[in-house]
Amino acid sequence: MKNVVALLTLLLVLSVPAFLLASGAGAQRQGQQHSTARDVGRGHVPAHGPAPVRSAPPHASENRAPENHAAEARPQDNSRSFRDKPSHPEAPHVHHNDQWVGHDSGRDDPHYHIDHPWEHGRFTGGFGRGHVFRLGGGDRERFWFGGFYFSVSPYDYDYAADWLWDGDPVVIYEDPDHDGWYLAYNSRLGTYVHVQYLGPR
């Protein structure tokens, strides 16, 4: 019996350092994953919106949208990827160095054409850093904050799938390329979508 107890004690003493070593390596790996993911979202607010696109990529001009733009959604355009690093989202996003990833289709992108731009007026609640709003409810088709209503472009619906419509922090930027659209940036996730202003409450 003494030999069994001594053997179990020896096994326990030898397994503790191995366990600590393995859990330390796991924590180090987890820390590396978090450190690479820190350059998107996590409360960062870009100092400015994207620059106007000088020339559109080839896929934007080849990809003509049907006449009913409102019914157009992203699934048929599944060849595009925005994940420029393994830890980054598969959606248009902004790096902490204020590089806007995905805003590159240019003025002639038919997915963001509006026949009557700003038909509900223009948003006057403030743009960019210093104007962070909390979503007050709704969904991608109609959401609000601070007495202002917006809707996400149907073409961008998938990019807002993980937004929390009752509390996420958002910042509005002017879209330099697409008349009638603004860019709503979610500082929790670091992603953004095209939104149309629907007017005040």
Protein backbone atom coordinates (compact mmCIF):
# COMPACT_ATOMS: atom_id res chain seq x y z
CA MET A 1 0.00 0.00 0.00
CA LYS A 2 2.87 2.35 0.79
CA ASN A 3 4.30 1.75 -2.68
CA VAL A 4 0.98 2.64 -4.35
CA VAL A 5 0.67 5.89 -2.35
CA ALA A 6 4.28 6.79 -3.11
CA LEU A 7 3.77 6.06 -6.83
CA LEU A 8 0.59 8.21 -6.97
CA THR A 9 2.36 11.04 -5.12
CA LEU A 10 5.28 10.86 -7.55
CA LEU A 11 2.91 10.95 -10.56
CA LEU A 12 1.09 13.95 -9.10
CA VAL A 13 4.34 15.83 -8.44
CA LEU A 14 5.54 15.17 -11.99
CA SER A 15 2.22 16.10 -13.63
CA VAL A 16 1.86 19.54 -11.96
CA PRO A 17 4.84 21.14 -13.81
CA ALA A 18 3.65 19.63 -17.10
CA PHE A 19 0.15 21.02 -16.52
CA LEU A 20 1.49 24.48 -15.65
CA LEU A 21 3.73 24.47 -18.70
CA ALA A 22 0.85 23.51 -21.01
CA SER A 23 -1.54 26.10 -19.55
CA GLY A 24 1.14 28.80 -19.85
CA ALA A 25 1.66 28.00 -23.52
CA GLY A 26 -2.11 28.13 -24.07
CA ALA A 27 -2.34 31.51 -22.38
CA GLN A 28 0.55 32.76 -24.48
CA ARG A 29 -1.19 31.58 -27.68
CA GLN A 30 -4.42 33.23 -26.57
CA GLY A 31 -2.55 36.45 -25.83
CA GLN A 32 -1.04 36.38 -29.31
CA GLN A 33 -4.50 36.00 -30.86
CA HIS A 34 -5.82 38.95 -28.86
CA SER A 35 -2.82 41.12 -29.67
CA THR A 36 -3.30 40.68 -33.44
CA ALA A 37 -7.04 41.31 -33.15
CA ARG A 38 -6.55 44.57 -31.24
CA ASP A 39 -5.96 46.61 -34.39
CA VAL A 40 -9.68 46.43 -35.36
CA GLY A 41 -12.60 47.61 -33.23
CA ARG A 42 -12.35 47.51 -29.43
CA GLY A 43 -13.61 51.08 -29.10
CA HIS A 44 -11.30 52.70 -31.65
CA VAL A 45 -12.89 55.62 -33.51
CA PRO A 46 -11.22 56.70 -36.77
CA ALA A 47 -10.12 60.33 -36.94
CA HIS A 48 -11.60 60.67 -40.44
CA GLY A 49 -13.66 58.84 -43.03
CA PRO A 50 -12.27 57.15 -46.13
CA ALA A 51 -10.67 59.12 -48.94
CA PRO A 52 -12.51 59.27 -52.27
CA VAL A 53 -11.66 56.38 -54.58
CA ARG A 54 -9.44 57.46 -57.47
CA SER A 55 -10.21 54.45 -59.69
CA ALA A 56 -12.60 51.58 -59.09
CA PRO A 57 -11.41 47.96 -59.08
CA PRO A 58 -12.42 45.92 -62.17
CA HIS A 59 -15.06 43.87 -60.34
CA ALA A 60 -17.18 46.95 -59.58
CA SER A 61 -17.76 47.87 -63.23
CA GLU A 62 -18.31 44.27 -64.35
CA ASN A 63 -20.88 43.57 -61.66
CA ARG A 64 -24.04 45.36 -62.88
CA ALA A 65 -26.96 45.37 -60.47
CA PRO A 66 -30.54 44.76 -61.58
CA GLU A 67 -33.01 47.66 -61.73
CA ASN A 68 -34.46 46.89 -58.28
CA HIS A 69 -31.49 47.92 -56.10
CA ALA A 70 -33.44 47.59 -52.85
CA ALA A 71 -33.95 43.87 -53.37
CA GLU A 72 -30.29 43.32 -54.21
CA ALA A 73 -28.34 41.61 -51.42
CA ARG A 74 -24.76 40.42 -51.17
CA PRO A 75 -25.01 36.57 -51.53
CA GLN A 76 -24.44 36.55 -55.30
CA ASP A 77 -21.20 38.54 -54.87
CA ASN A 78 -19.41 35.97 -52.74
CA SER A 79 -16.02 36.23 -54.45
CA ARG A 80 -15.02 39.33 -52.45
CA SER A 81 -13.03 38.96 -49.24
CA PHE A 82 -12.25 41.67 -46.68
CA ARG A 83 -10.26 39.51 -44.26
CA ASP A 84 -6.82 41.02 -44.82
CA LYS A 85 -5.42 39.30 -41.69
CA PRO A 86 -6.53 36.02 -40.09
CA SER A 87 -7.99 37.76 -37.02
CA HIS A 88 -9.86 40.45 -38.96
CA PRO A 89 -13.58 40.36 -39.78
CA GLU A 90 -14.97 39.21 -43.11
CA ALA A 91 -16.61 42.61 -43.55
CA PRO A 92 -15.53 46.13 -44.45
CA HIS A 93 -13.55 47.39 -41.46
CA VAL A 94 -11.13 50.06 -40.23
CA HIS A 95 -7.66 49.40 -38.81
CA HIS A 96 -6.45 51.34 -35.79
CA ASN A 97 -4.17 53.30 -38.13
CA ASP A 98 -7.43 54.59 -39.75
CA GLN A 99 -7.03 52.55 -42.94
CA TRP A 100 -10.51 51.85 -44.36
CA VAL A 101 -10.60 48.33 -45.80
CA GLY A 102 -13.28 47.68 -48.43
CA HIS A 103 -14.28 51.20 -49.42
CA ASP A 104 -12.89 50.94 -52.93
CA SER A 105 -15.73 50.48 -55.43
CA GLY A 106 -15.85 54.13 -56.54
CA ARG A 107 -18.64 56.45 -57.62
CA ASP A 108 -20.08 54.19 -60.31
CA ASP A 109 -20.86 51.20 -58.07
CA PRO A 110 -24.47 50.33 -59.03
CA HIS A 111 -25.09 48.69 -55.64
CA TYR A 112 -25.07 52.11 -53.99
CA HIS A 113 -27.04 54.05 -56.59
CA ILE A 114 -30.00 56.04 -55.25
CA ASP A 115 -32.41 57.74 -57.67
CA HIS A 116 -33.21 60.52 -55.17
CA PRO A 117 -30.21 61.07 -52.87
CA TRP A 118 -30.98 62.64 -49.49
CA GLU A 119 -34.73 62.58 -50.13
CA HIS A 120 -35.31 62.60 -46.35
CA GLY A 121 -32.85 65.44 -45.78
CA ARG A 122 -29.27 65.31 -44.57
CA PHE A 123 -28.03 64.02 -41.26
CA THR A 124 -27.02 66.91 -38.96
CA GLY A 125 -26.17 65.09 -35.74
CA GLY A 126 -22.39 65.28 -36.14
CA PHE A 127 -19.74 63.28 -37.95
CA GLY A 128 -16.63 61.40 -36.93
CA ARG A 129 -14.63 61.33 -33.72
CA GLY A 130 -16.38 63.19 -30.93
CA HIS A 131 -19.83 62.08 -32.11
CA VAL A 132 -20.26 58.51 -30.83
CA PHE A 133 -23.91 57.45 -30.62
CA ARG A 134 -25.51 54.39 -28.96
CA LEU A 135 -27.94 52.41 -31.08
CA GLY A 136 -31.38 52.72 -29.52
CA GLY A 137 -33.21 49.88 -31.25
CA GLY A 138 -34.54 48.54 -34.50
CA ASP A 139 -32.79 46.33 -37.01
CA ARG A 140 -30.84 46.61 -40.25
CA GLU A 141 -33.92 47.85 -42.14
CA ARG A 142 -34.66 50.68 -39.71
CA PHE A 143 -32.61 51.62 -36.67
CA TRP A 144 -32.26 54.77 -34.59
CA PHE A 145 -30.22 56.74 -32.10
CA GLY A 146 -30.55 60.26 -30.68
CA GLY A 147 -33.81 60.92 -32.55
CA PHE A 148 -32.37 60.04 -36.00
CA TYR A 149 -33.47 57.11 -38.17
CA PHE A 150 -31.34 55.18 -40.68
CA SER A 151 -31.47 51.99 -42.77
CA VAL A 152 -28.59 49.76 -43.86
CA SER A 153 -28.06 49.26 -47.58
CA PRO A 154 -29.53 45.86 -48.56
CA TYR A 155 -26.21 45.16 -50.26
CA ASP A 156 -24.49 45.45 -46.84
CA TYR A 157 -27.01 43.46 -44.77
CA ASP A 158 -24.62 40.57 -44.08
CA TYR A 159 -21.99 42.94 -42.70
CA ALA A 160 -24.34 44.10 -39.93
CA ALA A 161 -25.39 40.59 -38.87
CA ASP A 162 -23.55 40.77 -35.51
CA TRP A 163 -24.42 44.37 -34.61
CA LEU A 164 -26.31 44.87 -31.34
CA TRP A 165 -29.15 47.18 -32.34
CA ASP A 166 -29.97 48.17 -28.78
CA GLY A 167 -26.63 49.50 -27.60
CA ASP A 168 -23.64 49.25 -29.95
CA PRO A 169 -21.58 52.45 -30.28
CA VAL A 170 -21.69 53.89 -33.81
CA VAL A 171 -20.10 56.85 -35.53
CA ILE A 172 -21.42 58.35 -38.77
CA TYR A 173 -19.06 59.44 -41.57
CA GLU A 174 -19.88 61.07 -44.89
CA ASP A 175 -19.41 58.77 -47.88
CA PRO A 176 -17.16 60.62 -50.36
CA ASP A 177 -18.16 58.40 -53.31
CA HIS A 178 -21.82 57.42 -53.05
CA ASP A 179 -24.39 60.24 -53.07
CA GLY A 180 -27.17 59.76 -50.54
CA TRP A 181 -25.21 57.31 -48.38
CA TYR A 182 -23.36 57.66 -45.10
CA LEU A 183 -21.02 55.17 -43.45
CA ALA A 184 -22.04 53.86 -40.03
CA TYR A 185 -18.95 52.59 -38.17
CA ASN A 186 -19.40 50.21 -35.23
CA SER A 187 -16.51 50.93 -32.84
CA ARG A 188 -17.08 47.71 -30.85
CA LEU A 189 -16.50 45.52 -33.91
CA GLY A 190 -14.48 47.89 -36.11
CA THR A 191 -16.80 47.22 -39.08
CA TYR A 192 -18.90 49.63 -41.12
CA VAL A 193 -21.86 49.61 -43.49
CA HIS A 194 -23.49 52.03 -45.92
CA VAL A 195 -26.59 53.63 -44.40
CA GLN A 196 -29.30 55.94 -45.71
CA TYR A 197 -30.70 58.69 -43.52
CA LEU A 198 -34.47 58.33 -43.03
CA GLY A 199 -35.02 61.58 -41.13
CA PRO A 200 -35.61 62.67 -37.55
CA ARG A 201 -38.05 61.07 -35.16
